[in-house]
Amino acid sequence: RTDAGYGMSSYGMGWFRQAPGKDREWVAAISWSGA
């Protein structure tokens, strides 16, 4: 949990990727509820 006391269900989540020799880039994101 975070210092505020909340677990994953309270936060948006994301996926990023980094190819060789390139900067990390955003791939996808999802809100706390999945909506």
Full PDB file with SEQRES, HELIX, SHEET, SSBOND, CRYST1, ORIGX, SCALE, CONECT and MASTER records, all heavy atoms in Angstrom:
SEQRES   1 A   35  ARG THR ASP ALA GLY TYR GLY MET SER SER TYR GLY MET          
SEQRES   2 A   35  GLY TRP PHE ARG GLN ALA PRO GLY LYS ASP ARG GLU TRP          
SEQRES   3 A   35  VAL ALA ALA ILE SER TRP SER GLY ALA                          
HELIX    1 AA1 MET A    8  SER A   10  5                                   3    
SHEET    1 AA1 2 MET A  13  ARG A  17  0                                        
SHEET    2 AA1 2 GLU A  25  ILE A  30 -1                                        
CRYST1    1.000    1.000    1.000  90.00  90.00  90.00 P 1           1          
ORIGX1      1.000000  0.000000  0.000000        0.00000                         
ORIGX2      0.000000  1.000000  0.000000        0.00000                         
ORIGX3      0.000000  0.000000  1.000000        0.00000                         
SCALE1      1.000000  0.000000  0.000000        0.00000                         
SCALE2      0.000000  1.000000  0.000000        0.00000                         
SCALE3      0.000000  0.000000  1.000000        0.00000                         
ATOM      1  N   ARG A   1       0.845  -1.194   0.000  1.00  0.00           N  
ATOM      2  CA  ARG A   1       0.000   0.000   0.000  1.00  0.00           C  
ATOM      3  C   ARG A   1       0.878   1.241   0.000  1.00  0.00           C  
ATOM      4  O   ARG A   1       2.027   1.198   0.438  1.00  0.00           O  
ATOM      5  CB  ARG A   1      -0.912  -0.005   1.227  1.00  0.00           C  
ATOM      6  CG  ARG A   1      -1.942  -1.127   1.220  1.00  0.00           C  
ATOM      7  CD  ARG A   1      -2.814  -1.124   2.454  1.00  0.00           C  
ATOM      8  NE  ARG A   1      -3.850  -2.163   2.359  1.00  0.00           N  
ATOM      9  CZ  ARG A   1      -5.040  -1.973   1.812  1.00  0.00           C  
ATOM     10  NH1 ARG A   1      -5.354  -0.793   1.318  1.00  0.00           N  
ATOM     11  NH2 ARG A   1      -5.905  -2.954   1.757  1.00  0.00           N  
ATOM     12  N   THR A   2       0.326   2.319  -0.466  1.00  0.00           N  
ATOM     13  CA  THR A   2       1.057   3.582  -0.452  1.00  0.00           C  
ATOM     14  C   THR A   2       1.105   4.133   0.968  1.00  0.00           C  
ATOM     15  O   THR A   2       0.454   3.609   1.884  1.00  0.00           O  
ATOM     16  CB  THR A   2       0.364   4.605  -1.359  1.00  0.00           C  
ATOM     17  OG1 THR A   2      -0.952   4.861  -0.841  1.00  0.00           O  
ATOM     18  CG2 THR A   2       0.240   4.079  -2.784  1.00  0.00           C  
ATOM     19  N   ASP A   3       1.852   5.190   1.169  1.00  0.00           N  
ATOM     20  CA  ASP A   3       1.925   5.830   2.483  1.00  0.00           C  
ATOM     21  C   ASP A   3       0.552   6.317   2.939  1.00  0.00           C  
ATOM     22  O   ASP A   3       0.290   6.429   4.132  1.00  0.00           O  
ATOM     23  CB  ASP A   3       2.903   7.005   2.442  1.00  0.00           C  
ATOM     24  CG  ASP A   3       4.337   6.549   2.307  1.00  0.00           C  
ATOM     25  OD1 ASP A   3       4.613   5.353   2.572  1.00  0.00           O  
ATOM     26  OD2 ASP A   3       5.191   7.366   1.930  1.00  0.00           O  
ATOM     27  N   ALA A   4      -0.320   6.592   1.982  1.00  0.00           N  
ATOM     28  CA  ALA A   4      -1.675   7.036   2.317  1.00  0.00           C  
ATOM     29  C   ALA A   4      -2.549   5.872   2.746  1.00  0.00           C  
ATOM     30  O   ALA A   4      -3.676   6.063   3.205  1.00  0.00           O  
ATOM     31  CB  ALA A   4      -2.297   7.745   1.115  1.00  0.00           C  
ATOM     32  N   GLY A   5      -2.042   4.633   2.556  1.00  0.00           N  
ATOM     33  CA  GLY A   5      -2.772   3.456   3.014  1.00  0.00           C  
ATOM     34  C   GLY A   5      -3.658   2.786   2.001  1.00  0.00           C  
ATOM     35  O   GLY A   5      -4.467   1.930   2.342  1.00  0.00           O  
ATOM     36  N   TYR A   6      -3.485   3.145   0.740  1.00  0.00           N  
ATOM     37  CA  TYR A   6      -4.355   2.588  -0.295  1.00  0.00           C  
ATOM     38  C   TYR A   6      -3.625   1.550  -1.144  1.00  0.00           C  
ATOM     39  O   TYR A   6      -2.428   1.664  -1.393  1.00  0.00           O  
ATOM     40  CB  TYR A   6      -4.888   3.701  -1.202  1.00  0.00           C  
ATOM     41  CG  TYR A   6      -5.738   4.703  -0.461  1.00  0.00           C  
ATOM     42  CD1 TYR A   6      -5.254   5.965  -0.149  1.00  0.00           C  
ATOM     43  CD2 TYR A   6      -7.033   4.372  -0.075  1.00  0.00           C  
ATOM     44  CE1 TYR A   6      -6.030   6.883   0.534  1.00  0.00           C  
ATOM     45  CE2 TYR A   6      -7.822   5.277   0.604  1.00  0.00           C  
ATOM     46  CZ  TYR A   6      -7.315   6.532   0.915  1.00  0.00           C  
ATOM     47  OH  TYR A   6      -8.086   7.434   1.597  1.00  0.00           O  
ATOM     48  N   GLY A   7      -4.362   0.558  -1.596  1.00  0.00           N  
ATOM     49  CA  GLY A   7      -3.816  -0.476  -2.457  1.00  0.00           C  
ATOM     50  C   GLY A   7      -4.111  -0.214  -3.910  1.00  0.00           C  
ATOM     51  O   GLY A   7      -4.579   0.859  -4.288  1.00  0.00           O  
ATOM     52  N   MET A   8      -3.844  -1.209  -4.738  1.00  0.00           N  
ATOM     53  CA  MET A   8      -3.938  -1.046  -6.185  1.00  0.00           C  
ATOM     54  C   MET A   8      -5.305  -0.566  -6.641  1.00  0.00           C  
ATOM     55  O   MET A   8      -5.396   0.226  -7.588  1.00  0.00           O  
ATOM     56  CB  MET A   8      -3.621  -2.376  -6.894  1.00  0.00           C  
ATOM     57  CG  MET A   8      -3.443  -2.221  -8.393  1.00  0.00           C  
ATOM     58  SD  MET A   8      -3.450  -3.789  -9.303  1.00  0.00           S  
ATOM     59  CE  MET A   8      -5.208  -4.007  -9.575  1.00  0.00           C  
ATOM     60  N   SER A   9      -6.363  -1.009  -5.979  1.00  0.00           N  
ATOM     61  CA  SER A   9      -7.719  -0.703  -6.445  1.00  0.00           C  
ATOM     62  C   SER A   9      -8.037   0.781  -6.427  1.00  0.00           C  
ATOM     63  O   SER A   9      -9.034   1.202  -7.016  1.00  0.00           O  
ATOM     64  CB  SER A   9      -8.744  -1.471  -5.602  1.00  0.00           C  
ATOM     65  OG  SER A   9      -8.658  -1.070  -4.247  1.00  0.00           O  
ATOM     66  N   SER A  10      -7.207   1.588  -5.782  1.00  0.00           N  
ATOM     67  CA  SER A  10      -7.455   3.025  -5.705  1.00  0.00           C  
ATOM     68  C   SER A  10      -6.715   3.824  -6.760  1.00  0.00           C  
ATOM     69  O   SER A  10      -6.878   5.048  -6.838  1.00  0.00           O  
ATOM     70  CB  SER A  10      -7.052   3.554  -4.329  1.00  0.00           C  
ATOM     71  OG  SER A  10      -7.835   2.974  -3.309  1.00  0.00           O  
ATOM     72  N   TYR A  11      -5.908   3.148  -7.571  1.00  0.00           N  
ATOM     73  CA  TYR A  11      -5.019   3.869  -8.471  1.00  0.00           C  
ATOM     74  C   TYR A  11      -5.142   3.433  -9.927  1.00  0.00           C  
ATOM     75  O   TYR A  11      -5.397   2.252 -10.221  1.00  0.00           O  
ATOM     76  CB  TYR A  11      -3.569   3.676  -8.035  1.00  0.00           C  
ATOM     77  CG  TYR A  11      -3.285   4.286  -6.682  1.00  0.00           C  
ATOM     78  CD1 TYR A  11      -3.322   3.507  -5.531  1.00  0.00           C  
ATOM     79  CD2 TYR A  11      -3.010   5.651  -6.569  1.00  0.00           C  
ATOM     80  CE1 TYR A  11      -3.081   4.082  -4.286  1.00  0.00           C  
ATOM     81  CE2 TYR A  11      -2.770   6.219  -5.329  1.00  0.00           C  
ATOM     82  CZ  TYR A  11      -2.807   5.434  -4.193  1.00  0.00           C  
ATOM     83  OH  TYR A  11      -2.567   6.001  -2.974  1.00  0.00           O  
ATOM     84  N   GLY A  12      -4.937   4.402 -10.796  1.00  0.00           N  
ATOM     85  CA  GLY A  12      -4.780   4.060 -12.191  1.00  0.00           C  
ATOM     86  C   GLY A  12      -3.464   3.330 -12.398  1.00  0.00           C  
ATOM     87  O   GLY A  12      -2.526   3.488 -11.612  1.00  0.00           O  
ATOM     88  N   MET A  13      -3.421   2.520 -13.443  1.00  0.00           N  
ATOM     89  CA  MET A  13      -2.230   1.739 -13.741  1.00  0.00           C  
ATOM     90  C   MET A  13      -1.868   1.917 -15.212  1.00  0.00           C  
ATOM     91  O   MET A  13      -2.726   2.226 -16.046  1.00  0.00           O  
ATOM     92  CB  MET A  13      -2.478   0.255 -13.454  1.00  0.00           C  
ATOM     93  CG  MET A  13      -2.819  -0.072 -12.011  1.00  0.00           C  
ATOM     94  SD  MET A  13      -1.450   0.191 -10.876  1.00  0.00           S  
ATOM     95  CE  MET A  13      -0.322  -1.084 -11.431  1.00  0.00           C  
ATOM     96  N   GLY A  14      -0.601   1.699 -15.511  1.00  0.00           N  
ATOM     97  CA  GLY A  14      -0.170   1.863 -16.891  1.00  0.00           C  
ATOM     98  C   GLY A  14       0.894   0.855 -17.286  1.00  0.00           C  
ATOM     99  O   GLY A  14       1.525   0.228 -16.435  1.00  0.00           O  
ATOM    100  N   TRP A  15       1.048   0.706 -18.593  1.00  0.00           N  
ATOM    101  CA  TRP A  15       2.130  -0.092 -19.169  1.00  0.00           C  
ATOM    102  C   TRP A  15       2.979   0.814 -20.043  1.00  0.00           C  
ATOM    103  O   TRP A  15       2.446   1.638 -20.805  1.00  0.00           O  
ATOM    104  CB  TRP A  15       1.582  -1.238 -20.021  1.00  0.00           C  
ATOM    105  CG  TRP A  15       1.011  -2.383 -19.252  1.00  0.00           C  
ATOM    106  CD1 TRP A  15      -0.295  -2.597 -18.924  1.00  0.00           C  
ATOM    107  CD2 TRP A  15       1.732  -3.497 -18.714  1.00  0.00           C  
ATOM    108  NE1 TRP A  15      -0.436  -3.753 -18.212  1.00  0.00           N  
ATOM    109  CE2 TRP A  15       0.804  -4.337 -18.069  1.00  0.00           C  
ATOM    110  CE3 TRP A  15       3.082  -3.880 -18.706  1.00  0.00           C  
ATOM    111  CZ2 TRP A  15       1.159  -5.519 -17.435  1.00  0.00           C  
ATOM    112  CZ3 TRP A  15       3.447  -5.050 -18.079  1.00  0.00           C  
ATOM    113  CH2 TRP A  15       2.489  -5.863 -17.453  1.00  0.00           C  
ATOM    114  N   PHE A  16       4.279   0.640 -19.934  1.00  0.00           N  
ATOM    115  CA  PHE A  16       5.248   1.343 -20.764  1.00  0.00           C  
ATOM    116  C   PHE A  16       6.182   0.306 -21.370  1.00  0.00           C  
ATOM    117  O   PHE A  16       6.204  -0.844 -20.945  1.00  0.00           O  
ATOM    118  CB  PHE A  16       6.065   2.325 -19.923  1.00  0.00           C  
ATOM    119  CG  PHE A  16       5.287   3.504 -19.407  1.00  0.00           C  
ATOM    120  CD1 PHE A  16       4.388   3.368 -18.355  1.00  0.00           C  
ATOM    121  CD2 PHE A  16       5.456   4.760 -19.964  1.00  0.00           C  
ATOM    122  CE1 PHE A  16       3.665   4.453 -17.886  1.00  0.00           C  
ATOM    123  CE2 PHE A  16       4.749   5.858 -19.504  1.00  0.00           C  
ATOM    124  CZ  PHE A  16       3.852   5.695 -18.454  1.00  0.00           C  
ATOM    125  N   ARG A  17       6.964   0.732 -22.357  1.00  0.00           N  
ATOM    126  CA  ARG A  17       7.955  -0.178 -22.927  1.00  0.00           C  
ATOM    127  C   ARG A  17       9.184   0.598 -23.362  1.00  0.00           C  
ATOM    128  O   ARG A  17       9.111   1.798 -23.643  1.00  0.00           O  
ATOM    129  CB  ARG A  17       7.371  -0.952 -24.108  1.00  0.00           C  
ATOM    130  CG  ARG A  17       7.052  -0.098 -25.329  1.00  0.00           C  
ATOM    131  CD  ARG A  17       6.350  -0.942 -26.404  1.00  0.00           C  
ATOM    132  NE  ARG A  17       6.046  -0.164 -27.609  1.00  0.00           N  
ATOM    133  CZ  ARG A  17       5.351  -0.636 -28.636  1.00  0.00           C  
ATOM    134  NH1 ARG A  17       4.867  -1.884 -28.608  1.00  0.00           N  
ATOM    135  NH2 ARG A  17       5.133   0.128 -29.693  1.00  0.00           N  
ATOM    136  N   GLN A  18      10.306  -0.116 -23.392  1.00  0.00           N  
ATOM    137  CA  GLN A  18      11.556   0.501 -23.834  1.00  0.00           C  
ATOM    138  C   GLN A  18      12.289  -0.463 -24.747  1.00  0.00           C  
ATOM    139  O   GLN A  18      12.683  -1.557 -24.319  1.00  0.00           O  
ATOM    140  CB  GLN A  18      12.439   0.880 -22.648  1.00  0.00           C  
ATOM    141  CG  GLN A  18      13.675   1.656 -23.053  1.00  0.00           C  
ATOM    142  CD  GLN A  18      14.389   2.277 -21.866  1.00  0.00           C  
ATOM    143  OE1 GLN A  18      14.231   1.847 -20.724  1.00  0.00           O  
ATOM    144  NE2 GLN A  18      15.162   3.312 -22.124  1.00  0.00           N  
ATOM    145  N   ALA A  19      12.445  -0.046 -25.989  1.00  0.00           N  
ATOM    146  CA  ALA A  19      13.192  -0.830 -26.966  1.00  0.00           C  
ATOM    147  C   ALA A  19      14.677  -0.479 -26.874  1.00  0.00           C  
ATOM    148  O   ALA A  19      15.024   0.620 -26.408  1.00  0.00           O  
ATOM    149  CB  ALA A  19      12.667  -0.555 -28.368  1.00  0.00           C  
ATOM    150  N   PRO A  20      15.552  -1.377 -27.307  1.00  0.00           N  
ATOM    151  CA  PRO A  20      16.993  -1.097 -27.251  1.00  0.00           C  
ATOM    152  C   PRO A  20      17.348   0.200 -27.962  1.00  0.00           C  
ATOM    153  O   PRO A  20      16.942   0.429 -29.101  1.00  0.00           O  
ATOM    154  CB  PRO A  20      17.606  -2.304 -27.965  1.00  0.00           C  
ATOM    155  CG  PRO A  20      16.608  -3.397 -27.795  1.00  0.00           C  
ATOM    156  CD  PRO A  20      15.272  -2.729 -27.843  1.00  0.00           C  
ATOM    157  N   GLY A  21      18.080   1.059 -27.265  1.00  0.00           N  
ATOM    158  CA  GLY A  21      18.529   2.307 -27.863  1.00  0.00           C  
ATOM    159  C   GLY A  21      17.477   3.388 -27.971  1.00  0.00           C  
ATOM    160  O   GLY A  21      17.739   4.448 -28.561  1.00  0.00           O  
ATOM    161  N   LYS A  22      16.300   3.139 -27.407  1.00  0.00           N  
ATOM    162  CA  LYS A  22      15.222   4.125 -27.488  1.00  0.00           C  
ATOM    163  C   LYS A  22      14.756   4.535 -26.105  1.00  0.00           C  
ATOM    164  O   LYS A  22      15.013   3.850 -25.113  1.00  0.00           O  
ATOM    165  CB  LYS A  22      14.050   3.553 -28.291  1.00  0.00           C  
ATOM    166  CG  LYS A  22      14.374   3.285 -29.755  1.00  0.00           C  
ATOM    167  CD  LYS A  22      13.141   2.891 -30.522  1.00  0.00           C  
ATOM    168  CE  LYS A  22      13.440   2.697 -32.006  1.00  0.00           C  
ATOM    169  NZ  LYS A  22      12.217   2.325 -32.776  1.00  0.00           N  
ATOM    170  N   ASP A  23      14.064   5.666 -26.043  1.00  0.00           N  
ATOM    171  CA  ASP A  23      13.486   6.106 -24.785  1.00  0.00           C  
ATOM    172  C   ASP A  23      12.289   5.236 -24.429  1.00  0.00           C  
ATOM    173  O   ASP A  23      11.651   4.629 -25.300  1.00  0.00           O  
ATOM    174  CB  ASP A  23      13.028   7.565 -24.905  1.00  0.00           C  
ATOM    175  CG  ASP A  23      14.185   8.524 -25.063  1.00  0.00           C  
ATOM    176  OD1 ASP A  23      15.312   8.193 -24.619  1.00  0.00           O  
ATOM    177  OD2 ASP A  23      13.973   9.621 -25.623  1.00  0.00           O  
ATOM    178  N   ARG A  24      11.985   5.210 -23.145  1.00  0.00           N  
ATOM    179  CA  ARG A  24      10.792   4.494 -22.705  1.00  0.00           C  
ATOM    180  C   ARG A  24       9.562   5.235 -23.219  1.00  0.00           C  
ATOM    181  O   ARG A  24       9.511   6.465 -23.183  1.00  0.00           O  
ATOM    182  CB  ARG A  24      10.775   4.396 -21.180  1.00  0.00           C  
ATOM    183  CG  ARG A  24       9.670   3.517 -20.642  1.00  0.00           C  
ATOM    184  CD  ARG A  24       9.988   3.038 -19.234  1.00  0.00           C  
ATOM    185  NE  ARG A  24      10.214   4.120 -18.300  1.00  0.00           N  
ATOM    186  CZ  ARG A  24      10.620   3.943 -17.041  1.00  0.00           C  
ATOM    187  NH1 ARG A  24      10.860   2.729 -16.598  1.00  0.00           N  
ATOM    188  NH2 ARG A  24      10.772   4.982 -16.252  1.00  0.00           N  
ATOM    189  N   GLU A  25       8.564   4.479 -23.678  1.00  0.00           N  
ATOM    190  CA  GLU A  25       7.353   5.080 -24.210  1.00  0.00           C  
ATOM    191  C   GLU A  25       6.123   4.455 -23.573  1.00  0.00           C  
ATOM    192  O   GLU A  25       6.117   3.289 -23.179  1.00  0.00           O  
ATOM    193  CB  GLU A  25       7.279   4.909 -25.735  1.00  0.00           C  
ATOM    194  CG  GLU A  25       7.156   3.477 -26.218  1.00  0.00           C  
ATOM    195  CD  GLU A  25       6.911   3.368 -27.708  1.00  0.00           C  
ATOM    196  OE1 GLU A  25       6.723   4.405 -28.378  1.00  0.00           O  
ATOM    197  OE2 GLU A  25       6.892   2.231 -28.224  1.00  0.00           O  
ATOM    198  N   TRP A  26       5.105   5.258 -23.482  1.00  0.00           N  
ATOM    199  CA  TRP A  26       3.839   4.814 -22.913  1.00  0.00           C  
ATOM    200  C   TRP A  26       3.119   3.897 -23.891  1.00  0.00           C  
ATOM    201  O   TRP A  26       3.144   4.127 -25.096  1.00  0.00           O  
ATOM    202  CB  TRP A  26       2.991   6.038 -22.597  1.00  0.00           C  
ATOM    203  CG  TRP A  26       1.584   5.742 -22.218  1.00  0.00           C  
ATOM    204  CD1 TRP A  26       1.151   5.116 -21.081  1.00  0.00           C  
ATOM    205  CD2 TRP A  26       0.422   6.053 -22.971  1.00  0.00           C  
ATOM    206  NE1 TRP A  26      -0.215   5.028 -21.086  1.00  0.00           N  
ATOM    207  CE2 TRP A  26      -0.682   5.605 -22.236  1.00  0.00           C  
ATOM    208  CE3 TRP A  26       0.198   6.677 -24.198  1.00  0.00           C  
ATOM    209  CZ2 TRP A  26      -1.997   5.759 -22.680  1.00  0.00           C  
ATOM    210  CZ3 TRP A  26      -1.106   6.838 -24.640  1.00  0.00           C  
ATOM    211  CH2 TRP A  26      -2.181   6.376 -23.894  1.00  0.00           C  
ATOM    212  N   VAL A  27       2.450   2.868 -23.357  1.00  0.00           N  
ATOM    213  CA  VAL A  27       1.721   1.916 -24.183  1.00  0.00           C  
ATOM    214  C   VAL A  27       0.215   1.998 -23.921  1.00  0.00           C  
ATOM    215  O   VAL A  27      -0.575   2.123 -24.855  1.00  0.00           O  
ATOM    216  CB  VAL A  27       2.209   0.476 -23.912  1.00  0.00           C  
ATOM    217  CG1 VAL A  27       1.363  -0.535 -24.673  1.00  0.00           C  
ATOM    218  CG2 VAL A  27       3.678   0.335 -24.284  1.00  0.00           C  
ATOM    219  N   ALA A  28      -0.172   1.909 -22.643  1.00  0.00           N  
ATOM    220  CA  ALA A  28      -1.598   1.883 -22.314  1.00  0.00           C  
ATOM    221  C   ALA A  28      -1.792   2.265 -20.860  1.00  0.00           C  
ATOM    222  O   ALA A  28      -0.863   2.160 -20.051  1.00  0.00           O  
ATOM    223  CB  ALA A  28      -2.191   0.493 -22.578  1.00  0.00           C  
ATOM    224  N   ALA A  29      -3.019   2.687 -20.525  1.00  0.00           N  
ATOM    225  CA  ALA A  29      -3.336   3.036 -19.149  1.00  0.00           C  
ATOM    226  C   ALA A  29      -4.794   2.704 -18.862  1.00  0.00           C  
ATOM    227  O   ALA A  29      -5.627   2.682 -19.785  1.00  0.00           O  
ATOM    228  CB  ALA A  29      -3.063   4.510 -18.887  1.00  0.00           C  
ATOM    229  N   ILE A  30      -5.081   2.469 -17.571  1.00  0.00           N  
ATOM    230  CA  ILE A  30      -6.430   2.101 -17.165  1.00  0.00           C  
ATOM    231  C   ILE A  30      -6.740   2.786 -15.839  1.00  0.00           C  
ATOM    232  O   ILE A  30      -5.894   2.863 -14.947  1.00  0.00           O  
ATOM    233  CB  ILE A  30      -6.556   0.559 -17.058  1.00  0.00           C  
ATOM    234  CG1 ILE A  30      -7.992   0.130 -16.782  1.00  0.00           C  
ATOM    235  CG2 ILE A  30      -5.592   0.002 -16.009  1.00  0.00           C  
ATOM    236  CD1 ILE A  30      -8.213  -1.380 -16.962  1.00  0.00           C  
ATOM    237  N   SER A  31      -7.967   3.283 -15.711  1.00  0.00           N  
ATOM    238  CA  SER A  31      -8.372   3.957 -14.484  1.00  0.00           C  
ATOM    239  C   SER A  31      -8.613   2.950 -13.369  1.00  0.00           C  
ATOM    240  O   SER A  31      -8.613   1.737 -13.588  1.00  0.00           O  
ATOM    241  CB  SER A  31      -9.641   4.771 -14.745  1.00  0.00           C  
ATOM    242  OG  SER A  31     -10.705   3.891 -15.067  1.00  0.00           O  
ATOM    243  N   TRP A  32      -8.843   3.443 -12.165  1.00  0.00           N  
ATOM    244  CA  TRP A  32      -8.957   2.576 -10.997  1.00  0.00           C  
ATOM    245  C   TRP A  32     -10.056   1.527 -11.127  1.00  0.00           C  
ATOM    246  O   TRP A  32      -9.897   0.401 -10.664  1.00  0.00           O  
ATOM    247  CB  TRP A  32      -9.224   3.420  -9.754  1.00  0.00           C  
ATOM    248  CG  TRP A  32     -10.596   4.054  -9.739  1.00  0.00           C  
ATOM    249  CD1 TRP A  32     -10.960   5.236 -10.322  1.00  0.00           C  
ATOM    250  CD2 TRP A  32     -11.772   3.525  -9.140  1.00  0.00           C  
ATOM    251  NE1 TRP A  32     -12.290   5.470 -10.127  1.00  0.00           N  
ATOM    252  CE2 TRP A  32     -12.823   4.444  -9.401  1.00  0.00           C  
ATOM    253  CE3 TRP A  32     -12.062   2.370  -8.407  1.00  0.00           C  
ATOM    254  CZ2 TRP A  32     -14.109   4.231  -8.952  1.00  0.00           C  
ATOM    255  CZ3 TRP A  32     -13.351   2.169  -7.954  1.00  0.00           C  
ATOM    256  CH2 TRP A  32     -14.362   3.101  -8.237  1.00  0.00           C  
ATOM    257  N   SER A  33     -11.157   1.910 -11.782  1.00  0.00           N  
ATOM    258  CA  SER A  33     -12.287   0.989 -11.905  1.00  0.00           C  
ATOM    259  C   SER A  33     -12.223   0.145 -13.162  1.00  0.00           C  
ATOM    260  O   SER A  33     -12.991  -0.811 -13.316  1.00  0.00           O  
ATOM    261  CB  SER A  33     -13.584   1.791 -11.935  1.00  0.00           C  
ATOM    262  OG  SER A  33     -13.640   2.568 -13.123  1.00  0.00           O  
ATOM    263  N   GLY A  34     -11.350   0.529 -14.073  1.00  0.00           N  
ATOM    264  CA  GLY A  34     -11.304  -0.149 -15.367  1.00  0.00           C  
ATOM    265  C   GLY A  34     -12.201   0.480 -16.403  1.00  0.00           C  
ATOM    266  O   GLY A  34     -12.184   0.059 -17.566  1.00  0.00           O  
ATOM    267  N   ALA A  35     -12.963   1.481 -16.015  1.00  0.00           N  
ATOM    268  CA  ALA A  35     -13.908   2.096 -16.941  1.00  0.00           C  
ATOM    269  C   ALA A  35     -13.212   2.929 -18.012  1.00  0.00           C  
ATOM    270  O   ALA A  35     -13.725   3.083 -19.119  1.00  0.00           O  
ATOM    271  CB  ALA A  35     -14.901   2.960 -16.185  1.00  0.00           C  
TER     272      ALA A  35                                                      
MASTER        0    0    0    1    2    0    0    6  271    1    0    3          
END                                                                             
